[in-house]
N, C-alpha and C. Protein backbone atom coordinates (compact mmCIF):
# COMPACT_ATOMS: atom_id res chain seq x y z
N MET A 1 243.42 -119.83 80.65
CA MET A 1 242.90 -119.47 82.19
C MET A 1 242.21 -120.73 82.98
N ALA A 2 241.62 -121.42 82.00
CA ALA A 2 240.89 -122.55 82.64
C ALA A 2 241.79 -123.62 83.23
N SER A 3 242.97 -123.89 82.65
CA SER A 3 244.12 -124.78 83.11
C SER A 3 244.40 -124.14 84.65
N THR A 4 244.81 -122.88 84.50
CA THR A 4 245.42 -122.35 85.69
C THR A 4 244.33 -122.38 86.88
N THR A 5 243.05 -122.03 86.71
CA THR A 5 241.90 -122.15 87.48
C THR A 5 241.90 -123.97 88.16
N CYS A 6 242.13 -124.86 87.23
CA CYS A 6 241.98 -125.96 87.55
C CYS A 6 243.26 -126.23 88.37
N LEU A 7 244.46 -125.84 88.02
CA LEU A 7 245.67 -126.14 88.83
C LEU A 7 245.58 -125.71 90.16
N ILE A 8 245.04 -124.20 90.42
CA ILE A 8 244.73 -123.50 91.81
C ILE A 8 243.71 -124.69 92.44
N ALA A 9 242.72 -125.16 91.94
CA ALA A 9 241.64 -126.10 92.43
C ALA A 9 242.39 -127.18 93.01
N VAL A 10 243.10 -127.95 92.28
CA VAL A 10 243.72 -129.03 92.72
C VAL A 10 244.85 -128.67 93.75
N VAL A 11 245.42 -127.82 93.81
CA VAL A 11 246.46 -127.45 94.95
C VAL A 11 245.69 -127.02 96.20
N MET A 12 244.63 -126.45 96.03
CA MET A 12 243.85 -125.99 97.22
C MET A 12 243.18 -127.36 97.66
N LEU A 13 242.78 -128.16 96.92
CA LEU A 13 242.13 -129.47 97.52
C LEU A 13 243.30 -130.28 98.38
N SER A 14 244.48 -130.37 97.43
CA SER A 14 245.51 -130.92 98.36
C SER A 14 246.04 -130.47 99.69
N MET A 15 245.84 -129.09 99.76
CA MET A 15 246.10 -128.64 100.98
C MET A 15 244.85 -128.85 102.16
N THR A 16 243.68 -128.92 101.63
CA THR A 16 242.61 -129.07 102.37
C THR A 16 242.86 -130.27 103.14
N ALA A 17 243.31 -131.34 102.02
CA ALA A 17 243.27 -132.78 102.42
C ALA A 17 244.35 -132.98 103.33
N GLY A 18 245.40 -132.30 103.18
CA GLY A 18 246.49 -132.47 104.20
C GLY A 18 246.16 -131.82 105.35
N CYS A 19 245.23 -130.70 105.66
CA CYS A 19 244.81 -129.98 106.89
C CYS A 19 244.06 -131.17 107.63
N LEU A 20 243.15 -131.91 106.80
CA LEU A 20 242.11 -132.83 107.46
C LEU A 20 242.85 -134.05 108.02
N ALA A 21 243.93 -134.43 107.40
CA ALA A 21 244.65 -135.66 107.97
C ALA A 21 245.33 -135.06 109.43
N GLN A 22 244.89 -135.71 110.37
CA GLN A 22 245.37 -135.47 111.69
C GLN A 22 246.43 -136.64 111.97
N GLU A 23 247.79 -136.33 112.28
CA GLU A 23 248.85 -137.22 112.49
C GLU A 23 248.59 -137.91 113.86
N CYS A 24 248.94 -138.91 114.11
CA CYS A 24 248.61 -139.59 115.41
C CYS A 24 250.09 -140.00 116.22
N PRO A 25 250.81 -138.94 116.73
CA PRO A 25 252.14 -138.98 117.20
C PRO A 25 252.33 -140.34 118.13
N PHE A 26 251.27 -140.85 118.87
CA PHE A 26 251.63 -141.81 119.62
C PHE A 26 252.07 -143.12 119.06
N PHE A 27 251.51 -143.45 117.66
CA PHE A 27 251.75 -144.52 116.90
C PHE A 27 252.78 -144.15 115.70
N GLY A 28 253.24 -142.92 115.75
CA GLY A 28 254.20 -142.76 114.70
C GLY A 28 253.69 -141.92 113.77
N PRO A 29 254.65 -141.42 112.69
CA PRO A 29 254.34 -140.48 111.56
C PRO A 29 253.27 -141.11 110.44
N SER A 30 253.18 -142.36 110.64
CA SER A 30 252.65 -143.10 109.62
C SER A 30 250.93 -143.06 109.60
N ARG A 31 250.70 -143.00 110.97
CA ARG A 31 249.00 -143.08 111.34
C ARG A 31 248.50 -141.79 111.34
N VAL A 32 247.27 -141.63 110.66
CA VAL A 32 246.19 -140.67 110.79
C VAL A 32 245.12 -140.89 111.38
N GLY A 33 244.44 -140.14 111.88
CA GLY A 33 242.95 -140.22 112.36
C GLY A 33 242.06 -140.71 111.48
N SER A 34 241.10 -141.61 111.48
CA SER A 34 240.15 -141.84 110.72
C SER A 34 238.83 -142.57 111.36
N ALA A 35 237.77 -142.74 110.69
CA ALA A 35 236.52 -143.10 111.31
C ALA A 35 236.78 -144.59 111.76
N LYS A 36 236.29 -145.41 112.87
CA LYS A 36 236.55 -146.57 113.39
C LYS A 36 235.13 -147.01 113.94
N THR A 37 235.02 -148.27 113.81
CA THR A 37 233.69 -148.79 114.63
C THR A 37 234.14 -149.69 115.68
N ASN A 38 233.03 -149.98 116.65
CA ASN A 38 233.20 -150.87 117.71
C ASN A 38 234.47 -150.62 118.55
N LEU A 39 234.70 -149.47 118.87
CA LEU A 39 235.68 -149.18 119.86
C LEU A 39 235.23 -149.12 121.27
N ALA A 40 235.23 -150.43 121.74
CA ALA A 40 234.46 -150.45 123.00
C ALA A 40 235.41 -149.77 124.05
N ASN A 41 234.63 -149.25 125.09
CA ASN A 41 235.07 -148.13 125.96
C ASN A 41 235.55 -146.87 125.40
N CYS A 42 235.70 -146.84 124.19
CA CYS A 42 236.28 -145.43 123.62
C CYS A 42 235.24 -144.82 122.53
N THR A 43 234.02 -145.26 122.74
CA THR A 43 233.36 -145.07 121.56
C THR A 43 233.12 -143.66 121.05
N TRP A 44 233.17 -142.73 121.78
CA TRP A 44 233.16 -141.21 121.46
C TRP A 44 234.21 -141.00 120.57
N TYR A 45 235.14 -141.71 120.15
CA TYR A 45 236.10 -141.57 119.11
C TYR A 45 235.88 -142.16 117.73
N GLU A 46 234.81 -142.94 117.70
CA GLU A 46 234.68 -143.44 116.57
C GLU A 46 234.42 -142.68 115.33
N TYR A 47 233.97 -141.35 115.44
CA TYR A 47 233.76 -140.36 114.08
C TYR A 47 235.27 -140.17 113.61
N LYS A 48 236.32 -140.29 114.54
CA LYS A 48 237.72 -139.95 114.09
C LYS A 48 238.42 -140.36 115.14
N SER A 49 239.51 -141.67 115.00
CA SER A 49 240.13 -142.17 115.87
C SER A 49 241.46 -142.51 115.52
N CYS A 50 242.60 -142.42 116.21
CA CYS A 50 243.83 -142.71 116.12
C CYS A 50 244.04 -144.46 116.41
N CYS A 51 243.24 -144.98 117.10
CA CYS A 51 243.26 -146.20 117.80
C CYS A 51 242.46 -147.22 116.74
N GLU A 52 242.96 -148.49 116.90
CA GLU A 52 242.02 -149.67 116.33
C GLU A 52 241.56 -150.55 117.29
N ARG A 53 240.21 -150.99 116.98
CA ARG A 53 239.60 -151.83 118.23
C ARG A 53 240.57 -152.75 118.86
N ALA A 54 241.35 -153.44 118.15
CA ALA A 54 242.14 -154.54 118.89
C ALA A 54 243.17 -153.84 119.82
N GLU A 55 243.52 -152.74 119.52
CA GLU A 55 244.41 -151.88 120.50
C GLU A 55 243.43 -151.41 121.64
N VAL A 56 242.32 -151.03 121.62
CA VAL A 56 241.77 -150.63 122.79
C VAL A 56 241.39 -151.99 123.56
N THR A 57 241.19 -153.12 122.88
CA THR A 57 240.67 -154.29 123.48
C THR A 57 241.88 -154.80 124.48
N ALA A 58 243.27 -154.68 123.83
CA ALA A 58 244.29 -155.01 124.57
C ALA A 58 244.70 -153.96 125.51
N VAL A 59 244.43 -152.97 125.55
CA VAL A 59 244.85 -152.05 126.61
C VAL A 59 243.96 -152.38 127.72
N PHE A 60 242.71 -152.30 127.50
CA PHE A 60 241.72 -152.46 128.90
C PHE A 60 241.90 -153.94 129.42
N ALA A 61 242.58 -155.17 128.54
CA ALA A 61 242.67 -156.33 129.08
C ALA A 61 243.88 -156.24 130.14
N GLU A 62 244.71 -155.31 129.94
CA GLU A 62 245.94 -155.17 130.76
C GLU A 62 245.75 -154.38 132.06
N MET A 63 244.64 -153.85 132.12
CA MET A 63 244.40 -152.80 133.26
C MET A 63 243.74 -153.75 134.46
N LEU A 64 244.27 -153.09 135.70
CA LEU A 64 243.72 -153.63 136.98
C LEU A 64 242.56 -152.75 137.40
N SER A 65 241.56 -153.67 138.04
CA SER A 65 240.23 -152.96 138.39
C SER A 65 240.50 -152.30 139.71
N LEU A 66 239.64 -151.35 139.66
CA LEU A 66 239.44 -150.37 141.13
C LEU A 66 238.06 -151.13 141.72
N GLN A 67 238.04 -150.93 142.95
CA GLN A 67 236.89 -151.41 144.01
C GLN A 67 236.35 -150.11 144.59
N ASP A 68 234.85 -150.14 144.80
CA ASP A 68 234.23 -149.32 145.46
C ASP A 68 234.43 -147.67 144.66
N ALA A 69 234.70 -147.74 143.58
CA ALA A 69 234.76 -146.56 142.44
C ALA A 69 233.33 -146.06 142.01
N SER A 70 232.95 -144.74 142.02
CA SER A 70 231.74 -144.12 141.86
C SER A 70 231.77 -144.01 140.18
N GLN A 71 230.69 -143.98 139.76
CA GLN A 71 230.48 -143.62 138.33
C GLN A 71 231.34 -142.30 137.67
N ALA A 72 231.40 -141.25 138.45
CA ALA A 72 232.20 -140.33 138.20
C ALA A 72 233.67 -140.67 137.88
N CYS A 73 234.14 -141.61 138.83
CA CYS A 73 235.57 -142.09 139.00
C CYS A 73 235.62 -142.97 137.47
N ARG A 74 234.74 -143.79 137.41
CA ARG A 74 234.99 -144.67 136.37
C ARG A 74 235.09 -143.95 134.97
N ASN A 75 234.08 -143.06 134.96
CA ASN A 75 233.98 -142.25 133.67
C ASN A 75 235.47 -141.33 133.33
N ARG A 76 236.29 -141.05 134.33
CA ARG A 76 237.31 -140.22 134.28
C ARG A 76 238.36 -141.42 133.91
N VAL A 77 238.48 -142.38 134.78
CA VAL A 77 239.35 -143.39 134.49
C VAL A 77 239.45 -143.98 132.96
N ASN A 78 238.06 -144.23 132.60
CA ASN A 78 237.98 -144.77 131.28
C ASN A 78 238.45 -143.62 130.22
N TYR A 79 238.16 -142.41 130.52
CA TYR A 79 238.47 -141.26 129.58
C TYR A 79 239.89 -141.14 129.39
N MET A 80 240.52 -141.41 130.72
CA MET A 80 241.86 -141.36 130.66
C MET A 80 242.53 -142.28 129.81
N MET A 81 242.05 -143.53 130.09
CA MET A 81 242.61 -144.93 129.28
C MET A 81 242.48 -144.73 127.77
N CYS A 82 241.75 -143.88 127.42
CA CYS A 82 241.37 -144.01 125.72
C CYS A 82 242.10 -142.92 125.12
N TYR A 83 243.04 -142.02 125.77
CA TYR A 83 243.95 -140.93 125.43
C TYR A 83 244.52 -141.33 124.02
N PHE A 84 244.86 -142.43 123.81
CA PHE A 84 245.73 -142.99 122.57
C PHE A 84 244.79 -142.92 121.39
N CYS A 85 243.39 -142.95 121.75
CA CYS A 85 242.51 -142.99 120.41
C CYS A 85 242.20 -141.72 120.11
N ASP A 86 242.41 -140.42 120.86
CA ASP A 86 241.92 -139.18 120.60
C ASP A 86 242.82 -138.57 119.20
N PRO A 87 241.90 -138.12 118.30
CA PRO A 87 242.54 -137.64 117.07
C PRO A 87 243.19 -136.22 117.15
N ASN A 88 243.11 -135.81 118.46
CA ASN A 88 243.88 -134.38 118.52
C ASN A 88 245.04 -134.66 119.46
N GLN A 89 245.73 -136.02 119.31
CA GLN A 89 246.59 -136.24 120.40
C GLN A 89 248.11 -135.45 120.23
N ARG A 90 247.95 -134.90 118.96
CA ARG A 90 249.56 -133.93 118.91
C ARG A 90 249.40 -132.99 119.66
N ASN A 91 248.34 -132.55 120.14
CA ASN A 91 248.19 -131.54 121.18
C ASN A 91 248.57 -131.94 122.43
N PHE A 92 248.72 -133.01 122.95
CA PHE A 92 249.12 -133.35 124.34
C PHE A 92 250.25 -134.46 124.26
N ILE A 93 250.54 -135.10 123.10
CA ILE A 93 251.57 -136.03 123.19
C ILE A 93 252.78 -135.38 122.29
N THR A 94 253.86 -135.50 123.04
CA THR A 94 254.96 -134.78 122.38
C THR A 94 256.43 -135.29 122.82
N GLY A 95 257.21 -135.09 122.05
CA GLY A 95 258.59 -135.58 122.47
C GLY A 95 258.90 -136.75 121.96
N ALA A 96 260.11 -137.43 122.00
CA ALA A 96 260.45 -138.67 121.55
C ALA A 96 259.99 -139.84 122.27
N ASP A 97 259.69 -139.62 123.60
CA ASP A 97 259.21 -140.72 124.29
C ASP A 97 257.56 -141.11 124.20
N ARG A 98 256.96 -139.91 123.58
CA ARG A 98 255.56 -139.97 123.19
C ARG A 98 254.61 -139.97 124.38
N GLN A 99 255.12 -139.43 125.35
CA GLN A 99 254.25 -139.60 126.77
C GLN A 99 253.30 -138.58 126.45
N ALA A 100 251.91 -138.74 127.17
CA ALA A 100 250.64 -137.96 127.22
C ALA A 100 250.93 -137.02 128.21
N THR A 101 250.45 -135.89 127.91
CA THR A 101 250.49 -134.69 129.07
C THR A 101 248.89 -134.53 129.52
N MET A 102 248.69 -134.78 130.69
CA MET A 102 247.38 -134.37 131.11
C MET A 102 247.20 -133.09 132.00
N CYS A 103 246.36 -132.30 131.86
CA CYS A 103 245.86 -130.87 132.46
C CYS A 103 245.78 -131.38 134.01
N ALA A 104 246.42 -130.25 134.58
CA ALA A 104 246.23 -130.50 136.08
C ALA A 104 244.94 -130.69 136.50
N SER A 105 243.95 -129.75 135.91
CA SER A 105 242.60 -129.72 136.23
C SER A 105 241.82 -131.24 136.12
N PHE A 106 242.20 -131.95 135.12
CA PHE A 106 241.92 -133.24 135.09
C PHE A 106 242.66 -134.37 136.04
N CYS A 107 243.74 -134.35 136.00
CA CYS A 107 244.47 -135.15 137.35
C CYS A 107 243.85 -134.88 138.66
N ASP A 108 243.56 -133.62 139.03
CA ASP A 108 243.29 -133.30 140.29
C ASP A 108 241.68 -133.73 140.62
N ASP A 109 240.88 -133.63 139.62
CA ASP A 109 239.67 -134.03 139.20
C ASP A 109 239.37 -135.23 139.42
N LEU A 110 240.27 -136.14 138.71
CA LEU A 110 240.20 -137.55 138.79
C LEU A 110 240.66 -138.20 140.15
N PHE A 111 241.58 -137.49 140.81
CA PHE A 111 242.18 -137.94 141.97
C PHE A 111 240.77 -137.82 142.98
N GLY A 112 240.20 -136.53 142.97
CA GLY A 112 239.24 -136.19 143.77
C GLY A 112 238.14 -137.16 143.31
N GLN A 113 237.85 -137.61 142.45
CA GLN A 113 236.70 -138.52 142.13
C GLN A 113 236.82 -139.74 142.52
N CYS A 114 238.37 -140.20 142.56
CA CYS A 114 238.66 -141.76 142.55
C CYS A 114 239.38 -141.84 143.91
N GLY A 115 239.56 -140.88 144.76
CA GLY A 115 240.37 -140.90 145.83
C GLY A 115 240.00 -142.11 146.99
N GLY A 116 238.68 -142.34 147.09
CA GLY A 116 238.08 -143.29 147.87
C GLY A 116 237.93 -144.48 147.44
N ALA A 117 238.28 -144.66 146.02
CA ALA A 117 238.39 -146.14 145.50
C ALA A 117 239.51 -146.85 145.98
N LYS A 118 239.18 -148.11 145.83
CA LYS A 118 240.40 -149.14 146.29
C LYS A 118 241.01 -149.75 145.11
N HIS A 119 242.26 -149.92 145.04
CA HIS A 119 243.08 -150.50 144.09
C HIS A 119 244.07 -151.63 144.89
N ASN A 120 244.18 -152.81 144.61
CA ASN A 120 244.89 -153.91 145.32
C ASN A 120 244.51 -153.66 146.90
N GLY A 121 243.54 -153.50 147.21
CA GLY A 121 242.97 -153.39 148.63
C GLY A 121 243.50 -151.89 149.24
N ALA A 122 244.11 -151.16 148.82
CA ALA A 122 244.60 -149.96 149.20
C ALA A 122 243.63 -148.70 148.59
N VAL A 123 243.36 -147.85 149.59
CA VAL A 123 242.53 -146.82 148.82
C VAL A 123 243.71 -145.87 148.24
N ILE A 124 243.14 -145.30 147.01
CA ILE A 124 243.66 -144.60 146.36
C ILE A 124 244.47 -143.31 147.08
N ASN A 125 243.58 -142.54 147.59
CA ASN A 125 244.16 -141.40 148.30
C ASN A 125 245.02 -141.70 149.68
N SER A 126 245.28 -143.00 149.76
CA SER A 126 246.16 -143.18 150.96
C SER A 126 247.54 -143.62 150.20
N ARG A 127 247.53 -143.91 149.01
CA ARG A 127 248.72 -144.39 148.42
C ARG A 127 249.29 -143.31 147.60
N TYR A 128 248.54 -142.28 146.97
CA TYR A 128 249.19 -141.13 146.25
C TYR A 128 248.52 -139.77 147.32
N ALA A 129 249.51 -138.89 147.23
CA ALA A 129 249.25 -137.64 147.96
C ALA A 129 248.55 -136.77 147.22
N SER A 130 248.28 -136.86 145.82
CA SER A 130 247.88 -135.68 144.77
C SER A 130 247.26 -136.36 143.72
N GLY A 131 246.48 -135.49 142.94
CA GLY A 131 246.26 -135.71 141.51
C GLY A 131 247.87 -135.87 140.72
N ARG A 132 248.50 -134.95 140.99
CA ARG A 132 249.69 -134.92 140.29
C ARG A 132 250.46 -136.29 140.56
N ALA A 133 250.57 -136.73 141.70
CA ALA A 133 251.31 -138.00 142.10
C ALA A 133 250.76 -139.08 141.50
N PHE A 134 249.22 -139.29 141.43
CA PHE A 134 248.73 -140.33 140.58
C PHE A 134 248.85 -140.03 139.22
N CYS A 135 248.67 -139.06 138.61
CA CYS A 135 248.86 -139.21 137.11
C CYS A 135 250.40 -139.55 136.92
N GLU A 136 251.46 -138.83 137.54
CA GLU A 136 252.88 -139.22 137.15
C GLU A 136 252.91 -140.74 137.38
N ALA A 137 252.41 -141.41 138.48
CA ALA A 137 252.50 -142.76 138.88
C ALA A 137 251.77 -143.72 137.59
N ASN A 138 251.03 -143.04 136.90
CA ASN A 138 250.44 -143.71 135.80
C ASN A 138 251.01 -143.27 134.30
N PHE A 139 252.42 -142.68 134.39
CA PHE A 139 252.98 -142.31 133.40
C PHE A 139 252.57 -141.37 132.50
N PHE A 140 251.72 -140.39 133.10
CA PHE A 140 251.44 -139.21 132.37
C PHE A 140 252.33 -138.01 132.84
N ARG A 141 252.67 -137.03 132.06
CA ARG A 141 253.01 -135.66 132.49
C ARG A 141 251.74 -134.87 133.10
N TYR A 142 252.29 -134.06 134.01
CA TYR A 142 251.25 -133.20 134.73
C TYR A 142 251.47 -131.79 134.38
N GLN A 143 250.45 -131.23 133.79
CA GLN A 143 250.69 -129.90 133.11
C GLN A 143 249.87 -128.95 134.00
N THR A 144 250.32 -127.77 134.62
CA THR A 144 249.61 -126.95 135.32
C THR A 144 248.62 -125.90 134.56
N SER A 145 249.02 -125.51 133.37
CA SER A 145 248.10 -125.00 132.38
C SER A 145 247.09 -125.69 131.76
N ASN A 146 245.88 -125.10 131.27
CA ASN A 146 245.05 -126.01 130.49
C ASN A 146 245.21 -125.76 129.28
N SER A 147 246.50 -125.66 128.57
CA SER A 147 246.63 -125.83 127.04
C SER A 147 247.73 -126.68 126.76
N ASN A 148 247.61 -127.40 125.75
CA ASN A 148 248.48 -128.76 125.36
C ASN A 148 248.40 -129.64 126.20
N CYS A 149 247.43 -129.95 126.61
CA CYS A 149 247.18 -131.32 127.54
C CYS A 149 245.65 -131.81 127.48
N LEU A 150 245.86 -133.12 127.96
CA LEU A 150 244.20 -134.00 127.83
C LEU A 150 243.41 -133.36 128.98
N LYS A 151 242.23 -132.86 128.42
CA LYS A 151 241.26 -132.52 129.28
C LYS A 151 240.08 -133.45 129.36
N PHE A 152 239.38 -133.63 130.57
CA PHE A 152 238.25 -134.53 130.51
C PHE A 152 237.11 -133.99 129.98
N ASN A 153 236.60 -134.79 129.16
CA ASN A 153 235.32 -134.19 128.46
C ASN A 153 233.84 -135.03 128.86
N ALA A 154 233.36 -134.40 129.70
CA ALA A 154 232.12 -135.15 130.32
C ALA A 154 231.11 -135.58 129.40
N SER A 155 231.05 -135.06 128.22
CA SER A 155 229.98 -135.07 127.33
C SER A 155 230.15 -136.56 126.63
N ALA A 156 231.50 -136.94 126.71
CA ALA A 156 231.68 -138.27 126.15
C ALA A 156 230.71 -139.35 126.58
N PHE A 157 230.19 -139.19 128.16
CA PHE A 157 229.65 -140.01 128.82
C PHE A 157 227.90 -139.49 128.88
N SER A 158 227.67 -138.76 128.09
CA SER A 158 226.19 -138.15 128.35
C SER A 158 225.43 -139.35 127.58
N ALA A 159 224.20 -139.10 127.82
CA ALA A 159 223.05 -140.18 127.05
C ALA A 159 222.76 -139.70 125.81
N ALA A 160 223.30 -138.74 125.18
CA ALA A 160 222.96 -138.37 123.68
C ALA A 160 223.01 -139.54 122.97
N PRO A 161 222.14 -139.83 122.01
CA PRO A 161 222.08 -140.97 121.08
C PRO A 161 223.16 -140.85 119.99
N SER A 162 223.46 -139.78 119.63
CA SER A 162 224.83 -139.69 118.82
C SER A 162 226.01 -140.12 119.19
N MET A 163 226.13 -140.27 120.32
CA MET A 163 227.47 -140.81 120.85
C MET A 163 227.58 -142.29 120.60
N HIS A 164 226.63 -142.99 120.52
CA HIS A 164 226.57 -144.50 120.44
C HIS A 164 227.45 -145.04 121.29
N LEU A 165 227.27 -144.87 122.66
CA LEU A 165 228.05 -145.45 123.66
C LEU A 165 227.77 -146.82 124.04
N GLN A 166 228.83 -147.60 124.02
CA GLN A 166 228.48 -148.98 124.64
C GLN A 166 228.75 -149.13 126.19
N PRO A 167 228.64 -150.01 126.84
CA PRO A 167 228.69 -150.25 128.17
C PRO A 167 230.47 -150.44 128.33
N MET A 168 230.93 -149.69 129.29
CA MET A 168 232.27 -149.99 129.40
C MET A 168 232.74 -150.89 130.67
N VAL A 169 233.87 -151.52 130.55
CA VAL A 169 234.07 -152.55 131.49
C VAL A 169 234.42 -151.96 132.84
N LEU A 170 234.73 -152.67 133.97
CA LEU A 170 235.07 -152.20 135.10
C LEU A 170 236.15 -151.09 135.11
N PRO A 171 236.04 -150.28 136.06
CA PRO A 171 237.10 -149.44 136.10
C PRO A 171 238.42 -149.85 136.23
N MET A 172 239.60 -149.37 135.80
CA MET A 172 240.71 -149.64 135.84
C MET A 172 242.11 -148.40 136.10
N VAL A 173 243.09 -149.01 136.34
CA VAL A 173 244.12 -148.07 136.35
C VAL A 173 245.21 -148.71 135.49
N ILE A 174 245.84 -147.66 134.72
CA ILE A 174 247.08 -148.04 133.87
C ILE A 174 248.05 -148.41 134.78
N THR A 175 248.74 -149.59 134.29
CA THR A 175 249.57 -150.04 135.15
C THR A 175 251.24 -150.13 134.21
N SER A 176 252.05 -150.44 134.90
CA SER A 176 253.57 -150.06 134.33
C SER A 176 253.32 -151.09 133.04
N ALA A 177 252.96 -152.34 133.45
CA ALA A 177 252.76 -153.51 132.30
C ALA A 177 251.94 -153.10 131.18
N ALA A 178 250.80 -152.14 131.34
CA ALA A 178 249.92 -152.16 130.30
C ALA A 178 250.74 -151.02 129.51
N VAL A 179 251.33 -150.12 129.99
CA VAL A 179 252.10 -148.78 129.34
C VAL A 179 253.21 -149.62 128.68
N GLY A 180 254.04 -150.31 129.06
CA GLY A 180 255.03 -151.30 128.53
C GLY A 180 254.53 -151.89 127.22
N PHE A 181 253.26 -152.65 127.49
CA PHE A 181 252.54 -153.34 126.53
C PHE A 181 252.33 -152.51 125.21
N LEU A 182 251.78 -151.52 125.53
CA LEU A 182 251.43 -150.55 124.33
C LEU A 182 252.73 -150.01 123.71
N HIS A 183 253.66 -149.55 124.55
CA HIS A 183 254.96 -148.91 123.90
C HIS A 183 255.66 -150.03 123.09
N SER A 184 255.50 -151.37 123.63
CA SER A 184 256.14 -152.36 122.80
C SER A 184 255.78 -152.65 121.43
N ILE A 185 254.28 -152.64 121.46
CA ILE A 185 253.61 -152.69 120.21
C ILE A 185 253.86 -151.54 119.18
N PHE A 186 254.01 -150.47 119.69
CA PHE A 186 253.85 -149.12 118.75
C PHE A 186 255.25 -148.38 118.56
N HIS A 187 256.16 -148.88 119.52
CA HIS A 187 257.51 -147.82 119.40
C HIS A 187 258.68 -148.96 119.11
């Protein structure tokens, strides 16, 4: 009886460990989320992250800056750029191309907050007609429902001490070069 109880406990522990390990599809089947430190610009994922500090640094180094962007715009762009760190990315990164899907509410809100900002001298809302156009131009799928897509979480930018936020760099927009850079490293 004792050996049967031990066997059941070992099986249950194995099942629990398997459930806790979250696969990171952007990086392929061998990577799972784990605690990380010093994730500049993506600090809200330090408790459990799919990315490494060097990857975050590389992505932010490849981005183009925005001018005249509000803090609300900066926060949304920063959050969008950290999608590959999200330990729940299996919910919004699907398919063989491992492209991220953003909720329409996030794309539309981002476009609303950033429409007046400038990129390469052009105002965002003169370059793109909608949040959908903006997200798709930045290599995200646009999902009209609010499920299985990346949603903006404003609490990532709260002043709560438990978040251990570090100052973020200038706001930026994902470029095809940056996405290509990421894909060349991980795919």
